[in-house]
Each structure stands twice: as structure tokens, then as C-alpha cells.
Full PDB file with SEQRES, HELIX, SHEET, SSBOND, CRYST1, ORIGX, SCALE, CONECT and MASTER records, all heavy atoms in Angstrom:
SEQRES   1 A   38  VAL SER LEU ILE LYS LYS ALA ARG ARG GLU LYS ALA ASN          
SEQRES   2 A   38  THR LEU LEU PHE ASP ASN GLY ASP LEU ILE GLN GLY SER          
SEQRES   3 A   38  ALA LEU GLY ASP PHE ILE HIS GLU HIS PRO GLY GLN              
HELIX    1 AA1 SER A    2  GLU A   10  1                                   9    
HELIX    2 AA2 ALA A   27  GLU A   34  1                                   8    
CRYST1    1.000    1.000    1.000  90.00  90.00  90.00 P 1           1          
ORIGX1      1.000000  0.000000  0.000000        0.00000                         
ORIGX2      0.000000  1.000000  0.000000        0.00000                         
ORIGX3      0.000000  0.000000  1.000000        0.00000                         
SCALE1      1.000000  0.000000  0.000000        0.00000                         
SCALE2      0.000000  1.000000  0.000000        0.00000                         
SCALE3      0.000000  0.000000  1.000000        0.00000                         
ATOM      1  N   VAL A   1       0.839  -1.201   0.000  1.00  0.00           N  
ATOM      2  CA  VAL A   1       0.000   0.000   0.000  1.00  0.00           C  
ATOM      3  C   VAL A   1       0.876   1.253   0.000  1.00  0.00           C  
ATOM      4  O   VAL A   1       0.585   2.233  -0.691  1.00  0.00           O  
ATOM      5  CB  VAL A   1      -0.967  -0.005   1.200  1.00  0.00           C  
ATOM      6  CG1 VAL A   1      -1.684   1.332   1.331  1.00  0.00           C  
ATOM      7  CG2 VAL A   1      -1.998  -1.122   1.053  1.00  0.00           C  
ATOM      8  N   SER A   2       1.964   1.228   0.757  1.00  0.00           N  
ATOM      9  CA  SER A   2       2.885   2.377   0.762  1.00  0.00           C  
ATOM     10  C   SER A   2       3.475   2.614  -0.622  1.00  0.00           C  
ATOM     11  O   SER A   2       3.629   3.765  -1.062  1.00  0.00           O  
ATOM     12  CB  SER A   2       4.004   2.152   1.785  1.00  0.00           C  
ATOM     13  OG  SER A   2       3.489   2.110   3.100  1.00  0.00           O  
ATOM     14  N   LEU A   3       3.813   1.526  -1.334  1.00  0.00           N  
ATOM     15  CA  LEU A   3       4.331   1.655  -2.696  1.00  0.00           C  
ATOM     16  C   LEU A   3       3.274   2.215  -3.639  1.00  0.00           C  
ATOM     17  O   LEU A   3       3.578   3.015  -4.536  1.00  0.00           O  
ATOM     18  CB  LEU A   3       4.818   0.304  -3.207  1.00  0.00           C  
ATOM     19  CG  LEU A   3       6.105  -0.263  -2.606  1.00  0.00           C  
ATOM     20  CD1 LEU A   3       6.409  -1.626  -3.217  1.00  0.00           C  
ATOM     21  CD2 LEU A   3       7.276   0.691  -2.827  1.00  0.00           C  
ATOM     22  N   ILE A   4       2.028   1.785  -3.460  1.00  0.00           N  
ATOM     23  CA  ILE A   4       0.931   2.281  -4.296  1.00  0.00           C  
ATOM     24  C   ILE A   4       0.773   3.795  -4.122  1.00  0.00           C  
ATOM     25  O   ILE A   4       0.670   4.551  -5.098  1.00  0.00           O  
ATOM     26  CB  ILE A   4      -0.389   1.558  -3.950  1.00  0.00           C  
ATOM     27  CG1 ILE A   4      -0.332   0.098  -4.412  1.00  0.00           C  
ATOM     28  CG2 ILE A   4      -1.586   2.258  -4.590  1.00  0.00           C  
ATOM     29  CD1 ILE A   4      -1.449  -0.771  -3.860  1.00  0.00           C  
ATOM     30  N   LYS A   5       0.758   4.237  -2.890  1.00  0.00           N  
ATOM     31  CA  LYS A   5       0.572   5.666  -2.621  1.00  0.00           C  
ATOM     32  C   LYS A   5       1.758   6.480  -3.141  1.00  0.00           C  
ATOM     33  O   LYS A   5       1.584   7.598  -3.655  1.00  0.00           O  
ATOM     34  CB  LYS A   5       0.357   5.893  -1.127  1.00  0.00           C  
ATOM     35  CG  LYS A   5      -0.978   5.339  -0.633  1.00  0.00           C  
ATOM     36  CD  LYS A   5      -1.204   5.595   0.848  1.00  0.00           C  
ATOM     37  CE  LYS A   5      -2.586   5.095   1.271  1.00  0.00           C  
ATOM     38  NZ  LYS A   5      -2.854   5.324   2.720  1.00  0.00           N  
ATOM     39  N   LYS A   6       2.954   5.931  -3.035  1.00  0.00           N  
ATOM     40  CA  LYS A   6       4.135   6.608  -3.568  1.00  0.00           C  
ATOM     41  C   LYS A   6       4.048   6.725  -5.085  1.00  0.00           C  
ATOM     42  O   LYS A   6       4.336   7.784  -5.663  1.00  0.00           O  
ATOM     43  CB  LYS A   6       5.406   5.852  -3.178  1.00  0.00           C  
ATOM     44  CG  LYS A   6       6.707   6.475  -3.685  1.00  0.00           C  
ATOM     45  CD  LYS A   6       7.907   5.682  -3.214  1.00  0.00           C  
ATOM     46  CE  LYS A   6       9.212   6.334  -3.664  1.00  0.00           C  
ATOM     47  NZ  LYS A   6       9.357   6.291  -5.152  1.00  0.00           N  
ATOM     48  N   ALA A   7       3.649   5.639  -5.760  1.00  0.00           N  
ATOM     49  CA  ALA A   7       3.535   5.660  -7.221  1.00  0.00           C  
ATOM     50  C   ALA A   7       2.486   6.661  -7.679  1.00  0.00           C  
ATOM     51  O   ALA A   7       2.663   7.328  -8.710  1.00  0.00           O  
ATOM     52  CB  ALA A   7       3.198   4.258  -7.729  1.00  0.00           C  
ATOM     53  N   ARG A   8       1.424   6.791  -6.922  1.00  0.00           N  
ATOM     54  CA  ARG A   8       0.382   7.753  -7.292  1.00  0.00           C  
ATOM     55  C   ARG A   8       0.870   9.199  -7.168  1.00  0.00           C  
ATOM     56  O   ARG A   8       0.411  10.073  -7.896  1.00  0.00           O  
ATOM     57  CB  ARG A   8      -0.860   7.533  -6.426  1.00  0.00           C  
ATOM     58  CG  ARG A   8      -1.721   6.368  -6.923  1.00  0.00           C  
ATOM     59  CD  ARG A   8      -2.924   6.154  -6.040  1.00  0.00           C  
ATOM     60  NE  ARG A   8      -3.903   5.288  -6.694  1.00  0.00           N  
ATOM     61  CZ  ARG A   8      -4.906   4.700  -6.085  1.00  0.00           C  
ATOM     62  NH1 ARG A   8      -5.066   4.875  -4.770  1.00  0.00           N  
ATOM     63  NH2 ARG A   8      -5.752   3.950  -6.750  1.00  0.00           N  
ATOM     64  N   ARG A   9       1.790   9.431  -6.254  1.00  0.00           N  
ATOM     65  CA  ARG A   9       2.353  10.784  -6.140  1.00  0.00           C  
ATOM     66  C   ARG A   9       3.264  11.109  -7.318  1.00  0.00           C  
ATOM     67  O   ARG A   9       3.501  12.281  -7.628  1.00  0.00           O  
ATOM     68  CB  ARG A   9       3.119  10.917  -4.816  1.00  0.00           C  
ATOM     69  CG  ARG A   9       2.227  10.901  -3.574  1.00  0.00           C  
ATOM     70  CD  ARG A   9       2.985  11.321  -2.334  1.00  0.00           C  
ATOM     71  NE  ARG A   9       4.045  10.392  -1.969  1.00  0.00           N  
ATOM     72  CZ  ARG A   9       3.896   9.366  -1.129  1.00  0.00           C  
ATOM     73  NH1 ARG A   9       2.704   9.125  -0.588  1.00  0.00           N  
ATOM     74  NH2 ARG A   9       4.919   8.595  -0.831  1.00  0.00           N  
ATOM     75  N   GLU A  10       3.767  10.076  -7.969  1.00  0.00           N  
ATOM     76  CA  GLU A  10       4.700  10.276  -9.086  1.00  0.00           C  
ATOM     77  C   GLU A  10       3.998  10.599 -10.401  1.00  0.00           C  
ATOM     78  O   GLU A  10       4.575  11.248 -11.267  1.00  0.00           O  
ATOM     79  CB  GLU A  10       5.550   9.015  -9.277  1.00  0.00           C  
ATOM     80  CG  GLU A  10       6.452   8.691  -8.102  1.00  0.00           C  
ATOM     81  CD  GLU A  10       7.082   7.315  -8.241  1.00  0.00           C  
ATOM     82  OE1 GLU A  10       6.874   6.670  -9.288  1.00  0.00           O  
ATOM     83  OE2 GLU A  10       7.786   6.877  -7.303  1.00  0.00           O  
ATOM     84  N   LYS A  11       2.778  10.108 -10.575  1.00  0.00           N  
ATOM     85  CA  LYS A  11       2.085  10.241 -11.859  1.00  0.00           C  
ATOM     86  C   LYS A  11       0.690  10.812 -11.662  1.00  0.00           C  
ATOM     87  O   LYS A  11      -0.008  10.477 -10.700  1.00  0.00           O  
ATOM     88  CB  LYS A  11       1.966   8.867 -12.547  1.00  0.00           C  
ATOM     89  CG  LYS A  11       3.297   8.212 -12.885  1.00  0.00           C  
ATOM     90  CD  LYS A  11       3.972   8.895 -14.053  1.00  0.00           C  
ATOM     91  CE  LYS A  11       5.257   8.172 -14.432  1.00  0.00           C  
ATOM     92  NZ  LYS A  11       5.921   8.802 -15.599  1.00  0.00           N  
ATOM     93  N   ALA A  12       0.273  11.628 -12.613  1.00  0.00           N  
ATOM     94  CA  ALA A  12      -1.062  12.229 -12.539  1.00  0.00           C  
ATOM     95  C   ALA A  12      -2.151  11.224 -12.876  1.00  0.00           C  
ATOM     96  O   ALA A  12      -3.264  11.295 -12.343  1.00  0.00           O  
ATOM     97  CB  ALA A  12      -1.151  13.419 -13.490  1.00  0.00           C  
ATOM     98  N   ASN A  13      -1.844  10.283 -13.779  1.00  0.00           N  
ATOM     99  CA  ASN A  13      -2.849   9.343 -14.272  1.00  0.00           C  
ATOM    100  C   ASN A  13      -2.476   7.921 -13.877  1.00  0.00           C  
ATOM    101  O   ASN A  13      -1.453   7.400 -14.324  1.00  0.00           O  
ATOM    102  CB  ASN A  13      -2.955   9.439 -15.800  1.00  0.00           C  
ATOM    103  CG  ASN A  13      -3.105  10.871 -16.274  1.00  0.00           C  
ATOM    104  OD1 ASN A  13      -3.937  11.610 -15.774  1.00  0.00           O  
ATOM    105  ND2 ASN A  13      -2.271  11.261 -17.238  1.00  0.00           N  
ATOM    106  N   THR A  14      -3.297   7.301 -13.037  1.00  0.00           N  
ATOM    107  CA  THR A  14      -2.971   5.947 -12.590  1.00  0.00           C  
ATOM    108  C   THR A  14      -4.213   5.060 -12.610  1.00  0.00           C  
ATOM    109  O   THR A  14      -5.344   5.531 -12.483  1.00  0.00           O  
ATOM    110  CB  THR A  14      -2.385   5.939 -11.165  1.00  0.00           C  
ATOM    111  OG1 THR A  14      -3.354   6.452 -10.245  1.00  0.00           O  
ATOM    112  CG2 THR A  14      -1.112   6.774 -11.100  1.00  0.00           C  
ATOM    113  N   LEU A  15      -3.968   3.781 -12.756  1.00  0.00           N  
ATOM    114  CA  LEU A  15      -4.989   2.742 -12.631  1.00  0.00           C  
ATOM    115  C   LEU A  15      -4.430   1.659 -11.719  1.00  0.00           C  
ATOM    116  O   LEU A  15      -3.218   1.407 -11.729  1.00  0.00           O  
ATOM    117  CB  LEU A  15      -5.333   2.150 -14.002  1.00  0.00           C  
ATOM    118  CG  LEU A  15      -5.986   3.092 -15.014  1.00  0.00           C  
ATOM    119  CD1 LEU A  15      -5.865   2.504 -16.420  1.00  0.00           C  
ATOM    120  CD2 LEU A  15      -7.448   3.332 -14.668  1.00  0.00           C  
ATOM    121  N   LEU A  16      -5.305   0.999 -10.958  1.00  0.00           N  
ATOM    122  CA  LEU A  16      -4.856   0.016  -9.980  1.00  0.00           C  
ATOM    123  C   LEU A  16      -5.707  -1.247 -10.092  1.00  0.00           C  
ATOM    124  O   LEU A  16      -6.939  -1.183 -10.042  1.00  0.00           O  
ATOM    125  CB  LEU A  16      -4.967   0.603  -8.567  1.00  0.00           C  
ATOM    126  CG  LEU A  16      -4.570  -0.274  -7.385  1.00  0.00           C  
ATOM    127  CD1 LEU A  16      -3.127  -0.757  -7.496  1.00  0.00           C  
ATOM    128  CD2 LEU A  16      -4.784   0.482  -6.074  1.00  0.00           C  
ATOM    129  N   PHE A  17      -5.035  -2.394 -10.243  1.00  0.00           N  
ATOM    130  CA  PHE A  17      -5.724  -3.662 -10.446  1.00  0.00           C  
ATOM    131  C   PHE A  17      -5.173  -4.735  -9.500  1.00  0.00           C  
ATOM    132  O   PHE A  17      -4.026  -4.671  -9.076  1.00  0.00           O  
ATOM    133  CB  PHE A  17      -5.540  -4.145 -11.890  1.00  0.00           C  
ATOM    134  CG  PHE A  17      -5.967  -3.138 -12.925  1.00  0.00           C  
ATOM    135  CD1 PHE A  17      -5.025  -2.435 -13.656  1.00  0.00           C  
ATOM    136  CD2 PHE A  17      -7.310  -2.893 -13.155  1.00  0.00           C  
ATOM    137  CE1 PHE A  17      -5.408  -1.503 -14.602  1.00  0.00           C  
ATOM    138  CE2 PHE A  17      -7.708  -1.963 -14.102  1.00  0.00           C  
ATOM    139  CZ  PHE A  17      -6.762  -1.265 -14.832  1.00  0.00           C  
ATOM    140  N   ASP A  18      -6.024  -5.744  -9.244  1.00  0.00           N  
ATOM    141  CA  ASP A  18      -5.570  -6.927  -8.513  1.00  0.00           C  
ATOM    142  C   ASP A  18      -5.832  -8.153  -9.370  1.00  0.00           C  
ATOM    143  O   ASP A  18      -6.849  -8.228 -10.065  1.00  0.00           O  
ATOM    144  CB  ASP A  18      -6.286  -7.071  -7.170  1.00  0.00           C  
ATOM    145  CG  ASP A  18      -5.756  -8.265  -6.383  1.00  0.00           C  
ATOM    146  OD1 ASP A  18      -4.629  -8.163  -5.853  1.00  0.00           O  
ATOM    147  OD2 ASP A  18      -6.448  -9.299  -6.329  1.00  0.00           O  
ATOM    148  N   ASN A  19      -4.926  -9.140  -9.279  1.00  0.00           N  
ATOM    149  CA  ASN A  19      -5.004 -10.299 -10.157  1.00  0.00           C  
ATOM    150  C   ASN A  19      -5.333 -11.599  -9.436  1.00  0.00           C  
ATOM    151  O   ASN A  19      -4.990 -12.679  -9.907  1.00  0.00           O  
ATOM    152  CB  ASN A  19      -3.695 -10.452 -10.936  1.00  0.00           C  
ATOM    153  CG  ASN A  19      -3.954 -10.681 -12.411  1.00  0.00           C  
ATOM    154  OD1 ASN A  19      -4.886 -11.386 -12.788  1.00  0.00           O  
ATOM    155  ND2 ASN A  19      -3.121 -10.099 -13.252  1.00  0.00           N  
ATOM    156  N   GLY A  20      -6.009 -11.494  -8.293  1.00  0.00           N  
ATOM    157  CA  GLY A  20      -6.575 -12.688  -7.699  1.00  0.00           C  
ATOM    158  C   GLY A  20      -5.738 -13.423  -6.679  1.00  0.00           C  
ATOM    159  O   GLY A  20      -4.606 -13.047  -6.370  1.00  0.00           O  
ATOM    160  N   ASP A  21      -6.313 -14.519  -6.153  1.00  0.00           N  
ATOM    161  CA  ASP A  21      -5.801 -15.240  -4.986  1.00  0.00           C  
ATOM    162  C   ASP A  21      -5.696 -14.268  -3.826  1.00  0.00           C  
ATOM    163  O   ASP A  21      -4.631 -14.063  -3.236  1.00  0.00           O  
ATOM    164  CB  ASP A  21      -4.462 -15.918  -5.283  1.00  0.00           C  
ATOM    165  CG  ASP A  21      -4.642 -17.217  -6.055  1.00  0.00           C  
ATOM    166  OD1 ASP A  21      -5.782 -17.516  -6.477  1.00  0.00           O  
ATOM    167  OD2 ASP A  21      -3.643 -17.931  -6.252  1.00  0.00           O  
ATOM    168  N   LEU A  22      -6.841 -13.718  -3.493  1.00  0.00           N  
ATOM    169  CA  LEU A  22      -6.927 -12.625  -2.526  1.00  0.00           C  
ATOM    170  C   LEU A  22      -7.419 -13.078  -1.162  1.00  0.00           C  
ATOM    171  O   LEU A  22      -6.859 -12.717  -0.137  1.00  0.00           O  
ATOM    172  CB  LEU A  22      -7.864 -11.547  -3.081  1.00  0.00           C  
ATOM    173  CG  LEU A  22      -8.062 -10.291  -2.250  1.00  0.00           C  
ATOM    174  CD1 LEU A  22      -6.818  -9.416  -2.323  1.00  0.00           C  
ATOM    175  CD2 LEU A  22      -9.286  -9.507  -2.745  1.00  0.00           C  
ATOM    176  N   ILE A  23      -8.495 -13.899  -1.133  1.00  0.00           N  
ATOM    177  CA  ILE A  23      -9.231 -14.112   0.116  1.00  0.00           C  
ATOM    178  C   ILE A  23      -8.836 -15.377   0.864  1.00  0.00           C  
ATOM    179  O   ILE A  23      -9.348 -15.630   1.948  1.00  0.00           O  
ATOM    180  CB  ILE A  23     -10.750 -14.126  -0.147  1.00  0.00           C  
ATOM    181  CG1 ILE A  23     -11.142 -15.289  -1.093  1.00  0.00           C  
ATOM    182  CG2 ILE A  23     -11.207 -12.790  -0.704  1.00  0.00           C  
ATOM    183  CD1 ILE A  23     -12.641 -15.442  -1.284  1.00  0.00           C  
ATOM    184  N   GLN A  24      -7.924 -16.165   0.309  1.00  0.00           N  
ATOM    185  CA  GLN A  24      -7.513 -17.416   0.947  1.00  0.00           C  
ATOM    186  C   GLN A  24      -6.001 -17.523   0.967  1.00  0.00           C  
ATOM    187  O   GLN A  24      -5.327 -16.985   0.101  1.00  0.00           O  
ATOM    188  CB  GLN A  24      -8.109 -18.614   0.180  1.00  0.00           C  
ATOM    189  CG  GLN A  24      -7.850 -19.975   0.777  1.00  0.00           C  
ATOM    190  CD  GLN A  24      -6.493 -20.584   0.372  1.00  0.00           C  
ATOM    191  OE1 GLN A  24      -5.837 -20.088  -0.540  1.00  0.00           O  
ATOM    192  NE2 GLN A  24      -6.098 -21.637   1.062  1.00  0.00           N  
ATOM    193  N   GLY A  25      -5.468 -18.246   1.977  1.00  0.00           N  
ATOM    194  CA  GLY A  25      -4.036 -18.520   1.933  1.00  0.00           C  
ATOM    195  C   GLY A  25      -3.277 -18.222   3.204  1.00  0.00           C  
ATOM    196  O   GLY A  25      -2.129 -18.615   3.346  1.00  0.00           O  
ATOM    197  N   SER A  26      -3.916 -17.525   4.152  1.00  0.00           N  
ATOM    198  CA  SER A  26      -3.250 -17.236   5.423  1.00  0.00           C  
ATOM    199  C   SER A  26      -4.212 -17.538   6.559  1.00  0.00           C  
ATOM    200  O   SER A  26      -5.405 -17.766   6.357  1.00  0.00           O  
ATOM    201  CB  SER A  26      -2.822 -15.764   5.484  1.00  0.00           C  
ATOM    202  OG  SER A  26      -3.957 -14.921   5.639  1.00  0.00           O  
ATOM    203  N   ALA A  27      -3.689 -17.499   7.776  1.00  0.00           N  
ATOM    204  CA  ALA A  27      -4.535 -17.706   8.953  1.00  0.00           C  
ATOM    205  C   ALA A  27      -5.621 -16.647   9.034  1.00  0.00           C  
ATOM    206  O   ALA A  27      -6.734 -16.916   9.494  1.00  0.00           O  
ATOM    207  CB  ALA A  27      -3.679 -17.695  10.221  1.00  0.00           C  
ATOM    208  N   LEU A  28      -5.317 -15.450   8.578  1.00  0.00           N  
ATOM    209  CA  LEU A  28      -6.317 -14.383   8.578  1.00  0.00           C  
ATOM    210  C   LEU A  28      -7.460 -14.713   7.623  1.00  0.00           C  
ATOM    211  O   LEU A  28      -8.637 -14.543   7.957  1.00  0.00           O  
ATOM    212  CB  LEU A  28      -5.659 -13.053   8.205  1.00  0.00           C  
ATOM    213  CG  LEU A  28      -6.527 -11.798   8.293  1.00  0.00           C  
ATOM    214  CD1 LEU A  28      -5.693 -10.590   8.693  1.00  0.00           C  
ATOM    215  CD2 LEU A  28      -7.233 -11.500   6.975  1.00  0.00           C  
ATOM    216  N   GLY A  29      -7.120 -15.214   6.438  1.00  0.00           N  
ATOM    217  CA  GLY A  29      -8.153 -15.608   5.481  1.00  0.00           C  
ATOM    218  C   GLY A  29      -9.013 -16.730   6.021  1.00  0.00           C  
ATOM    219  O   GLY A  29     -10.247 -16.727   5.850  1.00  0.00           O  
ATOM    220  N   ASP A  30      -8.394 -17.708   6.687  1.00  0.00           N  
ATOM    221  CA  ASP A  30      -9.144 -18.820   7.268  1.00  0.00           C  
ATOM    222  C   ASP A  30     -10.065 -18.338   8.386  1.00  0.00           C  
ATOM    223  O   ASP A  30     -11.209 -18.796   8.510  1.00  0.00           O  
ATOM    224  CB  ASP A  30      -8.184 -19.873   7.821  1.00  0.00           C  
ATOM    225  CG  ASP A  30      -7.446 -20.626   6.727  1.00  0.00           C  
ATOM    226  OD1 ASP A  30      -7.940 -20.648   5.578  1.00  0.00           O  
ATOM    227  OD2 ASP A  30      -6.367 -21.183   7.019  1.00  0.00           O  
ATOM    228  N   PHE A  31      -9.572 -17.409   9.198  1.00  0.00           N  
ATOM    229  CA  PHE A  31     -10.378 -16.895  10.309  1.00  0.00           C  
ATOM    230  C   PHE A  31     -11.647 -16.216   9.790  1.00  0.00           C  
ATOM    231  O   PHE A  31     -12.740 -16.440  10.323  1.00  0.00           O  
ATOM    232  CB  PHE A  31      -9.562 -15.902  11.146  1.00  0.00           C  
ATOM    233  CG  PHE A  31     -10.369 -15.230  12.219  1.00  0.00           C  
ATOM    234  CD1 PHE A  31     -10.602 -15.871  13.423  1.00  0.00           C  
ATOM    235  CD2 PHE A  31     -10.908 -13.968  12.016  1.00  0.00           C  
ATOM    236  CE1 PHE A  31     -11.367 -15.255  14.415  1.00  0.00           C  
ATOM    237  CE2 PHE A  31     -11.676 -13.348  12.995  1.00  0.00           C  
ATOM    238  CZ  PHE A  31     -11.896 -14.000  14.209  1.00  0.00           C  
ATOM    239  N   ILE A  32     -11.509 -15.412   8.758  1.00  0.00           N  
ATOM    240  CA  ILE A  32     -12.678 -14.712   8.220  1.00  0.00           C  
ATOM    241  C   ILE A  32     -13.664 -15.700   7.619  1.00  0.00           C  
ATOM    242  O   ILE A  32     -14.885 -15.542   7.757  1.00  0.00           O  
ATOM    243  CB  ILE A  32     -12.232 -13.658   7.186  1.00  0.00           C  
ATOM    244  CG1 ILE A  32     -11.422 -12.565   7.888  1.00  0.00           C  
ATOM    245  CG2 ILE A  32     -13.429 -13.039   6.474  1.00  0.00           C  
ATOM    246  CD1 ILE A  32     -10.752 -11.609   6.962  1.00  0.00           C  
ATOM    247  N   HIS A  33     -13.150 -16.743   6.967  1.00  0.00           N  
ATOM    248  CA  HIS A  33     -14.041 -17.767   6.413  1.00  0.00           C  
ATOM    249  C   HIS A  33     -14.826 -18.462   7.519  1.00  0.00           C  
ATOM    250  O   HIS A  33     -16.016 -18.779   7.358  1.00  0.00           O  
ATOM    251  CB  HIS A  33     -13.229 -18.795   5.624  1.00  0.00           C  
ATOM    252  CG  HIS A  33     -14.030 -19.959   5.156  1.00  0.00           C  
ATOM    253  ND1 HIS A  33     -13.784 -21.255   5.580  1.00  0.00           N  
ATOM    254  CD2 HIS A  33     -15.112 -20.038   4.325  1.00  0.00           C  
ATOM    255  CE1 HIS A  33     -14.664 -22.074   5.023  1.00  0.00           C  
ATOM    256  NE2 HIS A  33     -15.476 -21.366   4.267  1.00  0.00           N  
ATOM    257  N   GLU A  34     -14.187 -18.695   8.649  1.00  0.00           N  
ATOM    258  CA  GLU A  34     -14.844 -19.394   9.756  1.00  0.00           C  
ATOM    259  C   GLU A  34     -15.744 -18.477  10.575  1.00  0.00           C  
ATOM    260  O   GLU A  34     -16.495 -18.948  11.430  1.00  0.00           O  
ATOM    261  CB  GLU A  34     -13.778 -20.030  10.647  1.00  0.00           C  
ATOM    262  CG  GLU A  34     -13.023 -21.160   9.952  1.00  0.00           C  
ATOM    263  CD  GLU A  34     -11.761 -21.572  10.676  1.00  0.00           C  
ATOM    264  OE1 GLU A  34     -11.642 -21.238  11.877  1.00  0.00           O  
ATOM    265  OE2 GLU A  34     -10.902 -22.222  10.052  1.00  0.00           O  
ATOM    266  N   HIS A  35     -15.672 -17.176  10.315  1.00  0.00           N  
ATOM    267  CA  HIS A  35     -16.537 -16.189  10.970  1.00  0.00           C  
ATOM    268  C   HIS A  35     -17.195 -15.354   9.871  1.00  0.00           C  
ATOM    269  O   HIS A  35     -16.786 -14.219   9.600  1.00  0.00           O  
ATOM    270  CB  HIS A  35     -15.732 -15.304  11.926  1.00  0.00           C  
ATOM    271  CG  HIS A  35     -15.094 -16.060  13.050  1.00  0.00           C  
ATOM    272  ND1 HIS A  35     -13.944 -16.809  12.881  1.00  0.00           N  
ATOM    273  CD2 HIS A  35     -15.464 -16.227  14.355  1.00  0.00           C  
ATOM    274  CE1 HIS A  35     -13.622 -17.377  14.031  1.00  0.00           C  
ATOM    275  NE2 HIS A  35     -14.528 -17.040  14.938  1.00  0.00           N  
ATOM    276  N   PRO A  36     -18.208 -15.912   9.209  1.00  0.00           N  
ATOM    277  CA  PRO A  36     -18.741 -15.339   7.970  1.00  0.00           C  
ATOM    278  C   PRO A  36     -19.345 -13.944   8.090  1.00  0.00           C  
ATOM    279  O   PRO A  36     -19.498 -13.246   7.084  1.00  0.00           O  
ATOM    280  CB  PRO A  36     -19.806 -16.358   7.546  1.00  0.00           C  
ATOM    281  CG  PRO A  36     -20.121 -17.147   8.768  1.00  0.00           C  
ATOM    282  CD  PRO A  36     -18.869 -17.187   9.577  1.00  0.00           C  
ATOM    283  N   GLY A  37     -19.656 -13.498   9.296  1.00  0.00           N  
ATOM    284  CA  GLY A  37     -20.192 -12.146   9.429  1.00  0.00           C  
ATOM    285  C   GLY A  37     -19.121 -11.075   9.402  1.00  0.00           C  
ATOM    286  O   GLY A  37     -19.423  -9.874   9.394  1.00  0.00           O  
ATOM    287  N   GLN A  38     -17.875 -11.500   9.377  1.00  0.00           N  
ATOM    288  CA  GLN A  38     -16.742 -10.580   9.438  1.00  0.00           C  
ATOM    289  C   GLN A  38     -16.419 -10.023   8.057  1.00  0.00           C  
ATOM    290  O   GLN A  38     -16.202 -10.773   7.107  1.00  0.00           O  
ATOM    291  CB  GLN A  38     -15.513 -11.318   9.979  1.00  0.00           C  
ATOM    292  CG  GLN A  38     -14.270 -10.492  10.087  1.00  0.00           C  
ATOM    293  CD  GLN A  38     -14.292  -9.598  11.315  1.00  0.00           C  
ATOM    294  OE1 GLN A  38     -14.473 -10.039  12.438  1.00  0.00           O  
ATOM    295  NE2 GLN A  38     -14.116  -8.304  11.077  1.00  0.00           N  
TER     296      GLN A  38                                                      
MASTER        0    0    0    2    0    0    0    6  295    1    0    3          
END                                                                             
């Protein structure tokens, strides 16, 4: 996120994308899955 904000300060025109494998893969992802209201 710090790199994203720095890059945005460098250029007037920016676009930001994510390419997936976002919600699974760590203990944090597992915790949210097991607590669906989160």
C-alpha cells in the first residue's frame, strides 16, 4: 500500500488492479471464512 501511494504521487494518471488469490491462503483468510459475518 505504501508503494501504491508513492507511485500515485509520481504520476497524474494511474490505474490500480488486482489479479486474484486474494481471500484465501493465510490464517487471517481462514479466520474470516470461519466467521462469515466478518
